[in-house]
């Protein structure tokens, strides 16, 4: 594994290697401390979009592994505007040992990987959010003891989080149902790739427009904000389209009695999820947030260790 851009690029064995490494690094941390695997190493972090979890979890991942992180705000680079993506990649490769990028266009991380001579990690793009999905499945594994055969119902926009869940579900044998209003489905090419992987793993990939049907019997119910960063102008229109897709107690009642509730955060309580569900005993949203740290430590350790 040279870069970490999209889970569709990885084999199921590579994904499991990441998950097991994350589990082991988490156990080490809980037992006292992590070994300084990345002592003397530096991570350059490019942010076109602001973030709480992505920034802090990557910085602390480097600290806990003995390394250092350098945060680069949108105003400091102007990726592709003030300076070309290719030149940013070439320059940072002379300074740091890996690059993490949280960007709008997925093409930006692909170009960074094309021109960098160090590993590139996709911290988020409009196409996929692979770090989030890796932390999510680590959370499912911890709570369920296994992942194969679990049924995830993702309710809301067919966005980057949905895409990454489709990819990792297809690779690992996890059934994924994506429940969206008409016109907000994941891109057909994403669905095709997920279905190809699912044929090998035995997973089922299902798209539906009916919330109760999609959530029926699910082991995990997952949602995300209705308007992501960059879609603010569509927020009011989206609220009207997504109103029937709110995850509330009535919708959760269609899932398994012990179903987990998941959300990548930040959550807009009262919109895509009620406070009652987000703060319920079934909610594992803060376990997910913590596991971003451990999943990213695994990515960094595997890509950056000598």
C-alpha atoms as a PDB file:
ATOM      1  CA  UNK A   1       0.000   0.000   0.000  1.00  0.00           C
ATOM      2  CA  UNK A   2       1.707   3.167  -1.241  1.00  0.00           C
ATOM      3  CA  UNK A   3      -1.134   5.657  -0.618  1.00  0.00           C
ATOM      4  CA  UNK A   4      -4.534   5.650   1.128  1.00  0.00           C
ATOM      5  CA  UNK A   5      -6.967   7.358  -1.228  1.00  0.00           C
ATOM      6  CA  UNK A   6     -10.046   5.162  -1.626  1.00  0.00           C
ATOM      7  CA  UNK A   7     -11.099   1.852  -0.086  1.00  0.00           C
ATOM      8  CA  UNK A   8     -12.058   0.561  -3.529  1.00  0.00           C
ATOM      9  CA  UNK A   9      -8.309   0.494  -4.301  1.00  0.00           C
ATOM     10  CA  UNK A  10      -7.541  -1.954  -1.476  1.00  0.00           C
ATOM     11  CA  UNK A  11      -8.025  -5.692  -1.172  1.00  0.00           C
ATOM     12  CA  UNK A  12      -9.994  -7.172   1.699  1.00  0.00           C
ATOM     13  CA  UNK A  13      -6.698  -8.486   3.131  1.00  0.00           C
ATOM     14  CA  UNK A  14      -5.211  -4.970   3.109  1.00  0.00           C
ATOM     15  CA  UNK A  15      -8.298  -3.561   4.824  1.00  0.00           C
ATOM     16  CA  UNK A  16      -8.160  -6.290   7.476  1.00  0.00           C
ATOM     17  CA  UNK A  17      -4.453  -5.578   8.016  1.00  0.00           C
ATOM     18  CA  UNK A  18      -5.387  -1.942   8.710  1.00  0.00           C
ATOM     19  CA  UNK A  19      -8.206  -2.948  11.070  1.00  0.00           C
ATOM     20  CA  UNK A  20      -6.063  -5.401  13.041  1.00  0.00           C
ATOM     21  CA  UNK A  21      -3.261  -2.846  13.292  1.00  0.00           C
ATOM     22  CA  UNK A  22      -5.762  -0.243  14.534  1.00  0.00           C
ATOM     23  CA  UNK A  23      -7.112  -2.681  17.123  1.00  0.00           C
ATOM     24  CA  UNK A  24      -3.604  -3.483  18.349  1.00  0.00           C
ATOM     25  CA  UNK A  25      -2.535   0.160  18.508  1.00  0.00           C
ATOM     26  CA  UNK A  26      -5.693   1.030  20.438  1.00  0.00           C
ATOM     27  CA  UNK A  27      -5.035  -1.781  22.933  1.00  0.00           C
ATOM     28  CA  UNK A  28      -1.447  -0.586  23.365  1.00  0.00           C
ATOM     29  CA  UNK A  29      -2.624   2.957  24.037  1.00  0.00           C
ATOM     30  CA  UNK A  30      -5.192   1.787  26.568  1.00  0.00           C
ATOM     31  CA  UNK A  31      -2.486  -0.249  28.292  1.00  0.00           C
ATOM     32  CA  UNK A  32      -0.203   2.764  28.649  1.00  0.00           C
ATOM     33  CA  UNK A  33       1.413   4.116  25.519  1.00  0.00           C
ATOM     34  CA  UNK A  34       2.188   3.397  21.888  1.00  0.00           C
ATOM     35  CA  UNK A  35       5.697   2.601  20.751  1.00  0.00           C
ATOM     36  CA  UNK A  36       7.242   5.636  18.972  1.00  0.00           C
ATOM     37  CA  UNK A  37       7.006   4.005  15.550  1.00  0.00           C
ATOM     38  CA  UNK A  38       7.161   7.368  13.787  1.00  0.00           C
ATOM     39  CA  UNK A  39       9.861   9.091  15.864  1.00  0.00           C
ATOM     40  CA  UNK A  40      11.479  11.807  13.783  1.00  0.00           C
ATOM     41  CA  UNK A  41       8.737  11.619  11.123  1.00  0.00           C
ATOM     42  CA  UNK A  42       6.483  14.507  10.049  1.00  0.00           C
ATOM     43  CA  UNK A  43       3.024  14.613   8.487  1.00  0.00           C
ATOM     44  CA  UNK A  44       1.977  17.601   6.390  1.00  0.00           C
ATOM     45  CA  UNK A  45      -1.778  18.216   6.668  1.00  0.00           C
ATOM     46  CA  UNK A  46      -3.538  20.129   3.869  1.00  0.00           C
ATOM     47  CA  UNK A  47      -7.003  21.412   4.774  1.00  0.00           C
ATOM     48  CA  UNK A  48      -9.339  22.971   2.215  1.00  0.00           C
ATOM     49  CA  UNK A  49     -12.253  22.249   4.589  1.00  0.00           C
ATOM     50  CA  UNK A  50     -12.201  22.952   8.336  1.00  0.00           C
ATOM     51  CA  UNK A  51     -12.546  20.008  10.705  1.00  0.00           C
ATOM     52  CA  UNK A  52     -12.610  19.091  14.378  1.00  0.00           C
ATOM     53  CA  UNK A  53     -12.168  15.310  14.194  1.00  0.00           C
ATOM     54  CA  UNK A  54      -9.878  15.054  11.175  1.00  0.00           C
ATOM     55  CA  UNK A  55      -7.385  17.652  12.366  1.00  0.00           C
ATOM     56  CA  UNK A  56      -7.199  16.617  16.023  1.00  0.00           C
ATOM     57  CA  UNK A  57      -7.224  12.882  15.347  1.00  0.00           C
ATOM     58  CA  UNK A  58      -4.399  13.081  12.791  1.00  0.00           C
ATOM     59  CA  UNK A  59      -2.319  15.413  14.963  1.00  0.00           C
ATOM     60  CA  UNK A  60      -2.766  13.220  18.037  1.00  0.00           C
ATOM     61  CA  UNK A  61      -2.106  10.083  15.997  1.00  0.00           C
ATOM     62  CA  UNK A  62       1.292  11.483  15.059  1.00  0.00           C
ATOM     63  CA  UNK A  63       1.987  12.606  18.639  1.00  0.00           C
ATOM     64  CA  UNK A  64       1.065   9.204  20.079  1.00  0.00           C
ATOM     65  CA  UNK A  65       3.318   7.452  17.538  1.00  0.00           C
ATOM     66  CA  UNK A  66       6.224   9.770  18.353  1.00  0.00           C
ATOM     67  CA  UNK A  67       6.039  11.997  15.282  1.00  0.00           C
ATOM     68  CA  UNK A  68       4.955  15.536  14.448  1.00  0.00           C
ATOM     69  CA  UNK A  69       2.173  17.075  12.331  1.00  0.00           C
ATOM     70  CA  UNK A  70       2.127  20.401  10.486  1.00  0.00           C
ATOM     71  CA  UNK A  71      -1.310  21.963   9.825  1.00  0.00           C
ATOM     72  CA  UNK A  72      -1.729  23.941   6.603  1.00  0.00           C
ATOM     73  CA  UNK A  73      -4.938  25.985   6.460  1.00  0.00           C
ATOM     74  CA  UNK A  74      -6.843  26.850   3.253  1.00  0.00           C
ATOM     75  CA  UNK A  75      -5.318  30.355   3.227  1.00  0.00           C
ATOM     76  CA  UNK A  76      -1.751  29.054   3.454  1.00  0.00           C
ATOM     77  CA  UNK A  77      -1.814  27.019   0.250  1.00  0.00           C
ATOM     78  CA  UNK A  78      -4.760  27.865  -2.023  1.00  0.00           C
ATOM     79  CA  UNK A  79      -4.473  24.392  -3.509  1.00  0.00           C
ATOM     80  CA  UNK A  80      -4.664  24.590  -7.301  1.00  0.00           C
ATOM     81  CA  UNK A  81      -5.168  28.366  -7.221  1.00  0.00           C
ATOM     82  CA  UNK A  82      -2.195  30.058  -5.573  1.00  0.00           C
ATOM     83  CA  UNK A  83      -0.019  27.099  -6.486  1.00  0.00           C
ATOM     84  CA  UNK A  84      -0.601  24.024  -8.606  1.00  0.00           C
ATOM     85  CA  UNK A  85      -1.410  20.724  -6.895  1.00  0.00           C
ATOM     86  CA  UNK A  86       1.631  19.185  -8.577  1.00  0.00           C
ATOM     87  CA  UNK A  87       3.982  21.814  -7.180  1.00  0.00           C
ATOM     88  CA  UNK A  88       2.485  21.548  -3.687  1.00  0.00           C
ATOM     89  CA  UNK A  89       3.054  17.794  -3.809  1.00  0.00           C
ATOM     90  CA  UNK A  90       6.656  18.187  -4.971  1.00  0.00           C
ATOM     91  CA  UNK A  91       7.499  20.840  -2.383  1.00  0.00           C
ATOM     92  CA  UNK A  92       5.913  19.076   0.586  1.00  0.00           C
ATOM     93  CA  UNK A  93       7.667  15.840  -0.412  1.00  0.00           C
ATOM     94  CA  UNK A  94      10.971  17.624   0.298  1.00  0.00           C
ATOM     95  CA  UNK A  95       9.803  18.636   3.806  1.00  0.00           C
ATOM     96  CA  UNK A  96       7.604  15.879   5.252  1.00  0.00           C
ATOM     97  CA  UNK A  97       7.360  12.103   5.289  1.00  0.00           C
ATOM     98  CA  UNK A  98       3.671  11.870   4.325  1.00  0.00           C
ATOM     99  CA  UNK A  99       0.834  14.158   3.260  1.00  0.00           C
ATOM    100  CA  UNK A 100      -2.767  14.112   4.510  1.00  0.00           C
ATOM    101  CA  UNK A 101      -5.310  16.154   2.557  1.00  0.00           C
ATOM    102  CA  UNK A 102      -8.912  17.116   3.344  1.00  0.00           C
ATOM    103  CA  UNK A 103     -10.199  18.548   0.089  1.00  0.00           C
ATOM    104  CA  UNK A 104     -13.228  19.258  -2.066  1.00  0.00           C
ATOM    105  CA  UNK A 105     -12.358  17.580  -5.369  1.00  0.00           C
ATOM    106  CA  UNK A 106     -11.189  13.966  -5.222  1.00  0.00           C
ATOM    107  CA  UNK A 107      -8.986  14.731  -8.220  1.00  0.00           C
ATOM    108  CA  UNK A 108      -6.841  16.853  -5.885  1.00  0.00           C
ATOM    109  CA  UNK A 109      -5.791  13.887  -3.737  1.00  0.00           C
ATOM    110  CA  UNK A 110      -5.206  11.813  -6.859  1.00  0.00           C
ATOM    111  CA  UNK A 111      -2.920  14.522  -8.223  1.00  0.00           C
ATOM    112  CA  UNK A 112      -1.105  14.839  -4.917  1.00  0.00           C
ATOM    113  CA  UNK A 113      -0.435  11.097  -5.020  1.00  0.00           C
ATOM    114  CA  UNK A 114       0.638  11.313  -8.660  1.00  0.00           C
ATOM    115  CA  UNK A 115       3.304  13.930  -8.017  1.00  0.00           C
ATOM    116  CA  UNK A 116       4.359  13.318  -4.400  1.00  0.00           C
ATOM    117  CA  UNK A 117       7.308  11.105  -3.574  1.00  0.00           C
ATOM    118  CA  UNK A 118       5.855  10.383  -0.112  1.00  0.00           C
ATOM    119  CA  UNK A 119       2.601   8.610   0.866  1.00  0.00           C
ATOM    120  CA  UNK A 120      -0.638  10.576   0.474  1.00  0.00           C
ATOM    121  CA  UNK A 121      -3.679  10.002   2.716  1.00  0.00           C
ATOM    122  CA  UNK A 122      -7.187  11.114   1.804  1.00  0.00           C
ATOM    123  CA  UNK A 123      -8.569  12.772   4.941  1.00  0.00           C
ATOM    124  CA  UNK A 124     -11.806  13.454   3.047  1.00  0.00           C
ATOM    125  CA  UNK A 125     -12.869  14.357  -0.469  1.00  0.00           C
ATOM    126  CA  UNK A 126     -16.271  15.016  -1.983  1.00  0.00           C
ATOM    127  CA  UNK A 127     -16.132  11.492  -3.437  1.00  0.00           C
ATOM    128  CA  UNK A 128     -15.105   9.361  -0.455  1.00  0.00           C
ATOM    129  CA  UNK A 129     -14.255   9.477   3.253  1.00  0.00           C
ATOM    130  CA  UNK A 130     -12.133   6.329   3.696  1.00  0.00           C
ATOM    131  CA  UNK A 131     -10.674   7.177   7.130  1.00  0.00           C
ATOM    132  CA  UNK A 132     -14.202   7.539   8.493  1.00  0.00           C
ATOM    133  CA  UNK A 133     -15.337   4.190   7.088  1.00  0.00           C
ATOM    134  CA  UNK A 134     -12.282   2.419   8.499  1.00  0.00           C
ATOM    135  CA  UNK A 135     -13.017   3.831  11.967  1.00  0.00           C
ATOM    136  CA  UNK A 136     -16.685   2.910  11.543  1.00  0.00           C
ATOM    137  CA  UNK A 137     -15.968  -0.729  10.800  1.00  0.00           C
ATOM    138  CA  UNK A 138     -13.479  -0.880  13.678  1.00  0.00           C
ATOM    139  CA  UNK A 139     -16.382   0.295  15.866  1.00  0.00           C
ATOM    140  CA  UNK A 140     -18.735  -2.362  14.471  1.00  0.00           C
ATOM    141  CA  UNK A 141     -16.073  -5.037  15.027  1.00  0.00           C
ATOM    142  CA  UNK A 142     -15.627  -3.966  18.646  1.00  0.00           C
ATOM    143  CA  UNK A 143     -19.346  -3.947  19.412  1.00  0.00           C
ATOM    144  CA  UNK A 144     -20.358  -7.041  17.444  1.00  0.00           C
ATOM    145  CA  UNK A 145     -17.266  -9.226  17.587  1.00  0.00           C
ATOM    146  CA  UNK A 146     -17.351  -9.706  13.804  1.00  0.00           C
ATOM    147  CA  UNK A 147     -18.325  -7.716  10.736  1.00  0.00           C
ATOM    148  CA  UNK A 148     -19.231 -10.221   8.023  1.00  0.00           C
ATOM    149  CA  UNK A 149     -22.994 -10.514   7.643  1.00  0.00           C
ATOM    150  CA  UNK A 150     -23.757  -7.331   9.572  1.00  0.00           C
ATOM    151  CA  UNK A 151     -26.472  -5.206   7.964  1.00  0.00           C
ATOM    152  CA  UNK A 152     -25.876  -1.446   7.745  1.00  0.00           C
ATOM    153  CA  UNK A 153     -28.687   0.870   6.668  1.00  0.00           C
ATOM    154  CA  UNK A 154     -27.370   4.281   5.644  1.00  0.00           C
ATOM    155  CA  UNK A 155     -30.232   6.799   5.616  1.00  0.00           C
ATOM    156  CA  UNK A 156     -29.872  10.174   3.919  1.00  0.00           C
ATOM    157  CA  UNK A 157     -27.709  11.574   1.126  1.00  0.00           C
ATOM    158  CA  UNK A 158     -25.742   9.216  -1.124  1.00  0.00           C
ATOM    159  CA  UNK A 159     -22.585  11.147  -0.285  1.00  0.00           C
ATOM    160  CA  UNK A 160     -18.899  10.454   0.319  1.00  0.00           C
ATOM    161  CA  UNK A 161     -19.611   8.597   3.570  1.00  0.00           C
ATOM    162  CA  UNK A 162     -22.191   6.399   1.854  1.00  0.00           C
ATOM    163  CA  UNK A 163     -19.723   5.701  -0.970  1.00  0.00           C
ATOM    164  CA  UNK A 164     -17.008   4.569   1.447  1.00  0.00           C
ATOM    165  CA  UNK A 165     -19.441   2.348   3.365  1.00  0.00           C
ATOM    166  CA  UNK A 166     -20.464   0.744   0.057  1.00  0.00           C
ATOM    167  CA  UNK A 167     -16.834   0.080  -0.838  1.00  0.00           C
ATOM    168  CA  UNK A 168     -15.788  -1.354   2.539  1.00  0.00           C
ATOM    169  CA  UNK A 169     -19.024  -3.297   2.922  1.00  0.00           C
ATOM    170  CA  UNK A 170     -18.602  -4.912  -0.464  1.00  0.00           C
ATOM    171  CA  UNK A 171     -14.996  -5.868   0.339  1.00  0.00           C
ATOM    172  CA  UNK A 172     -15.681  -7.310   3.812  1.00  0.00           C
ATOM    173  CA  UNK A 173     -19.012  -9.061   3.340  1.00  0.00           C
ATOM    174  CA  UNK A 174     -21.167  -6.444   5.095  1.00  0.00           C
ATOM    175  CA  UNK A 175     -24.661  -5.869   3.725  1.00  0.00           C
ATOM    176  CA  UNK A 176     -25.145  -2.181   2.934  1.00  0.00           C
ATOM    177  CA  UNK A 177     -28.505  -0.601   2.201  1.00  0.00           C
ATOM    178  CA  UNK A 178     -28.500   3.031   1.106  1.00  0.00           C
ATOM    179  CA  UNK A 179     -31.815   4.768   1.708  1.00  0.00           C
ATOM    180  CA  UNK A 180     -32.183   8.097  -0.118  1.00  0.00           C
ATOM    181  CA  UNK A 181     -34.805  10.378  -1.636  1.00  0.00           C
ATOM    182  CA  UNK A 182     -35.049  10.084  -5.411  1.00  0.00           C
ATOM    183  CA  UNK A 183     -32.258  11.990  -7.073  1.00  0.00           C
ATOM    184  CA  UNK A 184     -29.816  11.636  -4.156  1.00  0.00           C
ATOM    185  CA  UNK A 185     -28.600   8.078  -4.773  1.00  0.00           C
ATOM    186  CA  UNK A 186     -24.887   7.194  -4.862  1.00  0.00           C
ATOM    187  CA  UNK A 187     -23.355   7.404  -8.321  1.00  0.00           C
ATOM    188  CA  UNK A 188     -24.080   4.266 -10.400  1.00  0.00           C
ATOM    189  CA  UNK A 189     -20.341   3.663 -10.916  1.00  0.00           C
ATOM    190  CA  UNK A 190     -19.851   3.490  -7.133  1.00  0.00           C
ATOM    191  CA  UNK A 191     -22.716   1.019  -6.804  1.00  0.00           C
ATOM    192  CA  UNK A 192     -21.300  -1.148  -9.605  1.00  0.00           C
ATOM    193  CA  UNK A 193     -17.876  -1.306  -7.945  1.00  0.00           C
ATOM    194  CA  UNK A 194     -19.432  -2.188  -4.599  1.00  0.00           C
ATOM    195  CA  UNK A 195     -21.584  -4.882  -6.181  1.00  0.00           C
ATOM    196  CA  UNK A 196     -18.564  -6.395  -7.946  1.00  0.00           C
ATOM    197  CA  UNK A 197     -16.756  -6.685  -4.612  1.00  0.00           C
ATOM    198  CA  UNK A 198     -19.920  -7.978  -2.925  1.00  0.00           C
ATOM    199  CA  UNK A 199     -20.190 -10.851  -5.371  1.00  0.00           C
ATOM    200  CA  UNK A 200     -16.837 -12.074  -4.071  1.00  0.00           C
ATOM    201  CA  UNK A 201     -17.558 -11.494  -0.356  1.00  0.00           C
ATOM    202  CA  UNK A 202     -21.207 -12.554  -0.253  1.00  0.00           C
ATOM    203  CA  UNK A 203     -22.479  -9.106   0.757  1.00  0.00           C
ATOM    204  CA  UNK A 204     -25.743  -7.594  -0.418  1.00  0.00           C
ATOM    205  CA  UNK A 205     -25.802  -4.045  -1.796  1.00  0.00           C
ATOM    206  CA  UNK A 206     -29.289  -2.513  -1.894  1.00  0.00           C
ATOM    207  CA  UNK A 207     -30.613   0.936  -2.816  1.00  0.00           C
ATOM    208  CA  UNK A 208     -34.099   2.027  -1.812  1.00  0.00           C
ATOM    209  CA  UNK A 209     -36.184   5.181  -1.429  1.00  0.00           C
ATOM    210  CA  UNK A 210     -38.269   3.802   1.448  1.00  0.00           C
ATOM    211  CA  UNK A 211     -36.871   4.476   4.955  1.00  0.00           C
ATOM    212  CA  UNK A 212     -38.835   1.853   6.887  1.00  0.00           C
ATOM    213  CA  UNK A 213     -38.093  -0.798   4.261  1.00  0.00           C
ATOM    214  CA  UNK A 214     -34.405   0.071   4.189  1.00  0.00           C
ATOM    215  CA  UNK A 215     -34.008  -0.008   7.957  1.00  0.00           C
ATOM    216  CA  UNK A 216     -36.061  -3.186   8.454  1.00  0.00           C
ATOM    217  CA  UNK A 217     -33.983  -5.706  10.429  1.00  0.00           C
ATOM    218  CA  UNK A 218     -30.796  -3.618  10.216  1.00  0.00           C
ATOM    219  CA  UNK A 219     -28.017  -4.187  12.744  1.00  0.00           C
ATOM    220  CA  UNK A 220     -26.673  -0.655  12.309  1.00  0.00           C
ATOM    221  CA  UNK A 221     -28.560   2.488  11.330  1.00  0.00           C
ATOM    222  CA  UNK A 222     -26.270   5.237  10.041  1.00  0.00           C
ATOM    223  CA  UNK A 223     -26.950   8.803   8.955  1.00  0.00           C
ATOM    224  CA  UNK A 224     -25.086  11.994   8.070  1.00  0.00           C
ATOM    225  CA  UNK A 225     -25.937  15.657   7.575  1.00  0.00           C
ATOM    226  CA  UNK A 226     -28.265  16.408   4.675  1.00  0.00           C
ATOM    227  CA  UNK A 227     -26.079  19.206   3.263  1.00  0.00           C
ATOM    228  CA  UNK A 228     -22.310  18.723   3.362  1.00  0.00           C
ATOM    229  CA  UNK A 229     -19.687  21.478   3.258  1.00  0.00           C
ATOM    230  CA  UNK A 230     -19.936  23.173  -0.116  1.00  0.00           C
ATOM    231  CA  UNK A 231     -23.689  22.490  -0.379  1.00  0.00           C
ATOM    232  CA  UNK A 232     -24.861  25.292   1.926  1.00  0.00           C
ATOM    233  CA  UNK A 233     -26.846  26.946  -0.873  1.00  0.00           C
ATOM    234  CA  UNK A 234     -28.924  23.765  -1.187  1.00  0.00           C
ATOM    235  CA  UNK A 235     -29.589  23.365   2.541  1.00  0.00           C
ATOM    236  CA  UNK A 236     -33.207  24.564   2.613  1.00  0.00           C
ATOM    237  CA  UNK A 237     -34.160  22.639  -0.513  1.00  0.00           C
ATOM    238  CA  UNK A 238     -32.548  19.515   0.890  1.00  0.00           C
ATOM    239  CA  UNK A 239     -34.433  19.839   4.184  1.00  0.00           C
ATOM    240  CA  UNK A 240     -37.703  19.574   2.265  1.00  0.00           C
ATOM    241  CA  UNK A 241     -36.540  16.520   0.326  1.00  0.00           C
ATOM    242  CA  UNK A 242     -35.046  14.728   3.343  1.00  0.00           C
ATOM    243  CA  UNK A 243     -37.678  15.470   6.004  1.00  0.00           C
ATOM    244  CA  UNK A 244     -39.115  11.947   5.768  1.00  0.00           C
ATOM    245  CA  UNK A 245     -35.623  10.456   6.188  1.00  0.00           C
ATOM    246  CA  UNK A 246     -34.953  11.657   9.722  1.00  0.00           C
ATOM    247  CA  UNK A 247     -33.610   8.903  11.993  1.00  0.00           C
ATOM    248  CA  UNK A 248     -35.929   8.995  14.988  1.00  0.00           C
ATOM    249  CA  UNK A 249     -37.306   6.485  17.474  1.00  0.00           C
ATOM    250  CA  UNK A 250     -40.086   5.454  15.099  1.00  0.00           C
ATOM    251  CA  UNK A 251     -37.611   4.639  12.324  1.00  0.00           C
ATOM    252  CA  UNK A 252     -35.207   2.871  14.707  1.00  0.00           C
ATOM    253  CA  UNK A 253     -38.110   0.622  15.754  1.00  0.00           C
ATOM    254  CA  UNK A 254     -37.905  -1.052  12.323  1.00  0.00           C
ATOM    255  CA  UNK A 255     -34.285  -2.104  12.963  1.00  0.00           C
ATOM    256  CA  UNK A 256     -33.109  -4.915  15.229  1.00  0.00           C
ATOM    257  CA  UNK A 257     -33.946  -4.248  18.917  1.00  0.00           C
ATOM    258  CA  UNK A 258     -30.225  -3.961  19.707  1.00  0.00           C
ATOM    259  CA  UNK A 259     -29.326  -2.016  16.552  1.00  0.00           C
ATOM    260  CA  UNK A 260     -26.482   0.463  16.855  1.00  0.00           C
ATOM    261  CA  UNK A 261     -26.909   4.063  15.781  1.00  0.00           C
ATOM    262  CA  UNK A 262     -23.964   5.643  13.934  1.00  0.00           C
ATOM    263  CA  UNK A 263     -23.181   9.142  12.665  1.00  0.00           C
ATOM    264  CA  UNK A 264     -19.870  10.499  11.372  1.00  0.00           C
ATOM    265  CA  UNK A 265     -20.485  13.900  13.075  1.00  0.00           C
ATOM    266  CA  UNK A 266     -21.037  16.769  13.309  1.00  0.00           C
ATOM    267  CA  UNK A 267     -24.715  15.989  13.938  1.00  0.00           C
ATOM    268  CA  UNK A 268     -27.555  18.427  13.401  1.00  0.00           C
ATOM    269  CA  UNK A 269     -29.918  17.218  16.093  1.00  0.00           C
ATOM    270  CA  UNK A 270     -33.502  17.821  15.035  1.00  0.00           C
ATOM    271  CA  UNK A 271     -32.659  17.447  11.344  1.00  0.00           C
ATOM    272  CA  UNK A 272     -31.162  14.139  10.158  1.00  0.00           C
ATOM    273  CA  UNK A 273     -31.385  12.638  13.669  1.00  0.00           C
ATOM    274  CA  UNK A 274     -33.294  13.406  16.842  1.00  0.00           C
ATOM    275  CA  UNK A 275     -31.470  14.074  20.072  1.00  0.00           C
ATOM    276  CA  UNK A 276     -33.331  11.114  21.564  1.00  0.00           C
ATOM    277  CA  UNK A 277     -31.599   8.715  19.144  1.00  0.00           C
ATOM    278  CA  UNK A 278     -28.202  10.450  19.055  1.00  0.00           C
ATOM    279  CA  UNK A 279     -27.933  10.343  22.853  1.00  0.00           C
ATOM    280  CA  UNK A 280     -29.548   6.916  23.351  1.00  0.00           C
ATOM    281  CA  UNK A 281     -27.780   3.823  24.745  1.00  0.00           C
ATOM    282  CA  UNK A 282     -27.795   2.437  21.178  1.00  0.00           C
ATOM    283  CA  UNK A 283     -25.698   5.347  19.923  1.00  0.00           C
ATOM    284  CA  UNK A 284     -21.979   4.691  19.349  1.00  0.00           C
ATOM    285  CA  UNK A 285     -21.203   8.012  17.704  1.00  0.00           C
ATOM    286  CA  UNK A 286     -18.438   8.935  20.135  1.00  0.00           C
ATOM    287  CA  UNK A 287     -16.851   5.486  19.844  1.00  0.00           C
ATOM    288  CA  UNK A 288     -16.718   6.180  16.101  1.00  0.00           C
ATOM    289  CA  UNK A 289     -15.092   9.550  16.733  1.00  0.00           C
ATOM    290  CA  UNK A 290     -12.441   7.971  18.966  1.00  0.00           C
ATOM    291  CA  UNK A 291     -11.781   5.175  16.518  1.00  0.00           C
ATOM    292  CA  UNK A 292     -10.895   7.678  13.811  1.00  0.00           C
ATOM    293  CA  UNK A 293      -7.741   8.239  15.887  1.00  0.00           C
ATOM    294  CA  UNK A 294      -6.813   4.560  16.064  1.00  0.00           C
ATOM    295  CA  UNK A 295      -7.720   3.804  12.451  1.00  0.00           C
ATOM    296  CA  UNK A 296      -5.563   6.701  11.284  1.00  0.00           C
ATOM    297  CA  UNK A 297      -2.696   5.570  13.493  1.00  0.00           C
ATOM    298  CA  UNK A 298      -2.835   2.276  11.612  1.00  0.00           C
ATOM    299  CA  UNK A 299      -2.762   4.042   8.242  1.00  0.00           C
ATOM    300  CA  UNK A 300       0.171   6.223   9.298  1.00  0.00           C
ATOM    301  CA  UNK A 301       2.120   3.349  10.849  1.00  0.00           C
ATOM    302  CA  UNK A 302       1.742   1.133   7.789  1.00  0.00           C
ATOM    303  CA  UNK A 303       2.552   3.881   5.274  1.00  0.00           C
ATOM    304  CA  UNK A 304       5.314   5.670   7.183  1.00  0.00           C
ATOM    305  CA  UNK A 305       7.167   3.072   9.271  1.00  0.00           C
ATOM    306  CA  UNK A 306      10.627   2.107   8.073  1.00  0.00           C
END
